[in-house]
Protein backbone atom coordinates (compact mmCIF):
# COMPACT_ATOMS: atom_id res chain seq x y z
CA MET A 1 51.10 -45.10 -10.25
CA SER A 2 48.42 -43.69 -7.89
CA ASP A 3 45.86 -45.97 -6.34
CA TRP A 4 42.38 -45.56 -7.93
CA LYS A 5 40.88 -45.13 -4.47
CA SER A 6 42.61 -41.75 -4.15
CA TYR A 7 40.23 -40.38 -6.83
CA LEU A 8 37.05 -41.31 -4.92
CA PRO A 9 36.61 -38.01 -2.99
CA GLY A 10 36.88 -35.93 -6.16
CA LEU A 11 34.57 -38.26 -8.07
CA PHE A 12 32.00 -38.10 -5.29
CA LEU A 13 32.08 -34.30 -5.34
CA VAL A 14 31.53 -34.26 -9.13
CA ILE A 15 28.53 -36.59 -8.77
CA VAL A 16 26.97 -34.40 -6.03
CA VAL A 17 27.40 -31.20 -8.07
CA ALA A 18 25.96 -32.84 -11.19
CA ALA A 19 22.96 -34.15 -9.27
CA TRP A 20 22.34 -30.69 -7.76
CA ILE A 21 22.42 -29.07 -11.21
CA LEU A 22 20.05 -31.66 -12.68
CA LEU A 23 17.65 -31.30 -9.77
CA PHE A 24 17.26 -27.54 -10.03
CA ALA A 25 17.31 -27.57 -13.83
CA SER A 26 14.37 -29.98 -13.88
CA SER A 27 12.40 -28.20 -11.15
CA PRO A 28 9.39 -26.23 -12.39
CA PRO A 29 9.62 -22.47 -12.01
CA TYR A 30 7.91 -20.82 -9.05
CA PRO A 31 4.32 -19.81 -9.86
CA PRO A 32 3.95 -16.08 -10.40
CA SER A 33 2.50 -14.14 -7.50
CA GLU A 34 -1.04 -12.93 -7.89
CA PRO A 35 -1.15 -9.14 -8.12
CA GLU A 36 -4.60 -8.99 -6.49
CA ILE A 37 -3.28 -10.48 -3.24
CA SER A 38 -0.28 -8.18 -3.26
CA ASP A 39 -2.45 -5.13 -3.86
CA GLN A 40 -4.76 -6.12 -1.00
CA THR A 41 -1.80 -6.58 1.33
CA GLU A 42 -0.39 -3.19 0.46
CA THR A 43 -3.78 -1.53 0.88
CA SER A 44 -4.29 -3.19 4.26
CA SER A 45 -0.81 -2.11 5.34
CA GLU A 46 -1.47 1.46 4.25
CA LEU A 47 -4.74 1.53 6.17
CA GLU A 48 -3.06 0.22 9.32
CA THR A 49 -0.30 2.83 8.97
CA ALA A 50 -2.83 5.64 8.54
CA LYS A 51 -4.78 4.39 11.55
CA GLY A 52 -1.61 4.29 13.64
CA ILE A 53 -0.70 7.86 12.65
CA ALA A 54 -4.21 9.06 13.51
CA GLU A 55 -4.05 7.40 16.93
CA ALA A 56 -0.62 8.91 17.60
CA GLN A 57 -1.89 12.38 16.69
CA ARG A 58 -5.02 11.89 18.79
CA THR A 59 -3.12 10.79 21.90
CA GLY A 60 -0.49 13.48 21.36
CA VAL A 61 -3.10 16.24 21.50
CA LEU A 62 -4.83 14.57 24.44
CA ILE A 63 -1.59 14.67 26.44
CA GLU A 64 -1.58 18.45 26.22
CA ILE A 65 -5.23 18.66 27.34
CA GLY A 66 -5.15 16.14 30.20
CA LEU A 67 -2.36 13.74 31.12
CA SER A 68 -4.50 11.49 33.35
CA ALA A 69 -7.11 11.14 30.62
CA TRP A 70 -4.40 10.26 28.12
CA LEU A 71 -3.01 7.55 30.42
CA ALA A 72 -6.44 5.95 30.86
CA TYR A 73 -7.10 6.05 27.11
CA SER A 74 -3.65 4.67 26.28
CA ASN A 75 -4.27 1.74 28.63
CA VAL A 76 -7.32 0.81 26.55
CA LEU A 77 -5.42 1.04 23.26
CA SER A 78 -2.45 -0.98 24.51
CA ALA A 79 -4.69 -3.68 26.05
CA LYS A 80 -6.66 -4.02 22.81
CA LEU A 81 -3.46 -4.30 20.78
CA PHE A 82 -2.00 -6.85 23.18
CA PHE A 83 -4.97 -9.22 23.41
CA CYS A 84 -6.02 -8.99 19.76
CA LEU A 85 -2.48 -9.65 18.49
CA ILE A 86 -2.05 -12.65 20.79
CA GLN A 87 -5.47 -13.93 19.71
CA GLU A 88 -4.55 -13.70 16.03
CA GLY A 89 -1.12 -15.24 16.52
CA SER A 90 -2.44 -18.11 18.64
CA ARG A 91 -5.07 -19.04 16.08
CA GLN A 92 -2.57 -18.93 13.20
CA SER A 93 -0.08 -21.13 15.07
CA SER A 94 -2.71 -23.74 15.95
CA ASP A 95 -3.16 -26.05 12.95
CA ALA A 96 -5.50 -28.52 14.64
CA PRO A 97 -9.26 -27.99 14.29
CA ALA A 98 -11.12 -26.80 17.37
CA SER A 99 -12.59 -30.26 18.00
CA GLN A 100 -9.09 -31.77 18.27
CA GLN A 101 -7.51 -29.10 20.45
CA PRO A 102 -6.93 -29.78 24.16
CA GLU A 103 -9.42 -28.21 26.53
CA TYR A 104 -6.93 -25.76 28.04
CA MET A 105 -6.12 -24.41 24.57
CA THR A 106 -9.79 -24.01 23.69
CA ASP A 107 -10.42 -22.14 26.95
CA PHE A 108 -7.36 -19.94 26.35
CA LEU A 109 -8.47 -18.99 22.83
CA SER A 110 -12.00 -18.32 24.04
CA LEU A 111 -10.69 -15.97 26.74
CA LEU A 112 -8.56 -14.12 24.20
CA ASP A 113 -11.59 -13.74 21.93
CA LYS A 114 -13.62 -12.21 24.74
CA GLN A 115 -10.83 -9.90 25.93
CA CYS A 116 -10.18 -8.67 22.40
CA ALA A 117 -13.91 -8.10 21.82
CA VAL A 118 -14.35 -6.14 25.06
CA TYR A 119 -11.45 -3.79 24.39
CA THR A 120 -12.48 -3.33 20.76
CA GLN A 121 -16.00 -2.30 21.82
CA MET A 122 -14.53 -0.12 24.55
CA GLU A 123 -12.37 1.75 22.05
CA SER A 124 -15.36 2.33 19.77
CA VAL A 125 -17.21 4.04 22.64
CA ILE A 126 -14.29 6.07 23.97
CA THR A 127 -12.71 7.32 20.73
CA PRO A 128 -15.63 9.59 19.64
CA PHE A 129 -15.58 11.14 23.14
CA VAL A 130 -11.83 11.73 22.87
CA ASP A 131 -12.25 13.23 19.40
CA GLN A 132 -14.83 15.66 20.76
CA ILE A 133 -12.47 16.66 23.58
CA ILE A 134 -9.71 17.31 21.07
CA ALA A 135 -12.04 19.31 18.81
CA ASP A 136 -13.19 21.48 21.75
CA LYS A 137 -9.62 21.71 23.10
CA LYS A 138 -10.95 21.19 26.62
CA ILE A 139 -11.84 18.23 28.77
CA GLU A 140 -15.00 17.83 30.80
CA ASN A 141 -15.69 15.43 33.65
CA TYR A 142 -15.40 11.76 32.74
CA TYR A 143 -15.56 8.29 34.27
CA VAL A 144 -12.88 5.64 34.70
CA PHE A 145 -12.49 2.35 36.51
CA SER A 146 -9.29 0.83 37.85
CA MET A 147 -7.80 -2.52 36.97
CA LEU A 148 -5.32 -4.44 39.11
CA GLU A 149 -2.51 -6.46 37.57
CA PRO A 150 0.76 -8.01 38.80
CA ALA A 151 3.57 -5.47 38.91
CA ASP A 152 6.60 -7.69 39.59
CA GLU A 153 7.70 -11.09 40.82
CA ILE A 154 7.10 -10.49 44.55
CA PHE A 155 3.31 -10.42 44.37
CA MET A 156 2.98 -6.66 44.14
CA TRP A 157 -0.04 -5.28 42.33
CA ALA A 158 -0.29 -2.18 40.17
CA GLU A 159 -3.49 -0.22 39.70
CA LYS A 160 -4.16 1.56 36.43
CA ASP A 161 -7.11 3.53 35.15
CA ILE A 162 -9.19 2.38 32.20
CA GLY A 163 -11.25 4.92 30.27
CA ILE A 164 -12.18 7.59 29.53
CA PHE A 165 -15.98 7.12 29.47
CA PRO A 166 -18.52 9.85 28.74
CA SER A 167 -21.17 8.29 31.02
CA LEU A 168 -21.41 6.19 34.15
CA ALA A 169 -23.49 3.58 32.30
CA ASP A 170 -20.74 2.99 29.71
CA CYS A 171 -18.11 2.75 32.42
CA GLN A 172 -20.10 0.26 34.48
CA ARG A 173 -20.91 -1.88 31.44
CA PHE A 174 -17.26 -2.43 30.53
CA GLU A 175 -16.11 -2.75 34.14
CA ARG A 176 -18.60 -5.60 34.61
CA ALA A 177 -17.55 -7.19 31.31
CA LEU A 178 -13.91 -7.43 32.43
CA HIS A 179 -14.88 -8.46 35.95
CA GLU A 180 -16.85 -11.40 34.50
CA LEU A 181 -13.63 -12.47 32.75
CA ASP A 182 -11.92 -12.75 36.17
CA VAL A 183 -10.10 -9.43 35.81
CA SER A 184 -9.61 -7.64 39.13
CA THR A 185 -11.34 -4.27 38.83
CA ARG A 186 -12.54 -1.45 41.05
CA ARG A 187 -15.82 0.37 40.69
CA CYS A 188 -16.26 3.29 38.33
CA ARG A 189 -15.59 6.77 39.64
CA LEU A 190 -16.14 10.28 38.40
CA VAL A 191 -13.07 12.34 37.57
CA THR A 192 -13.81 16.01 38.09
CA VAL A 193 -11.70 18.26 35.93
CA THR A 194 -10.85 21.63 37.45
CA PRO A 195 -10.11 24.23 34.77
CA LEU A 196 -6.73 25.86 35.05
CA PRO A 197 -6.79 29.54 36.04
CA PRO A 198 -5.98 32.00 33.26
CA PRO A 199 -2.36 33.03 33.07
CA ALA A 200 -1.38 36.11 34.97
CA PRO A 201 -0.89 39.21 32.84
CA VAL A 202 2.66 40.04 31.96
CA ARG A 203 3.87 43.25 33.56
């Protein structure tokens, strides 16, 4: 006759399975999702998608009109996306109230807020100018300033243009705003656009 202890593993397994069934059978059902929140999320997603398509079309046309202008404009869009996304993610991941956060974290979030705000305002000034360029299918003279940033791990620096600004005053305003945030910048300069000569007639 088998020892009763040999049945213990099987008995234990039966008890675990029975407890699991009772637990989930007694658990209340998940609350139904609220359709208003879902609709808002879908609407927000659709708006972001439409905005992304519009920006892609805008920059695509600008490439054909002036490559340097497109590079300067793309630097603004990518910087805004970078800083604003990090700002949002950092605030969502920080559960502690501002009064309980360490000083370095408060300073970091404050810097992200300012960087995001500067690039957002910059885009609002530049985009109407870009839209006018695209509508006219030609580019006039414009202003840019340069920004220096680390290029690799051996202390090399890369210089990239930020713009494009319709006036010197707009360019100087945003160059100073970034400079006050300890961003290495160079002074604004005028970019003179030389129209391309008409194509030679085909013989």
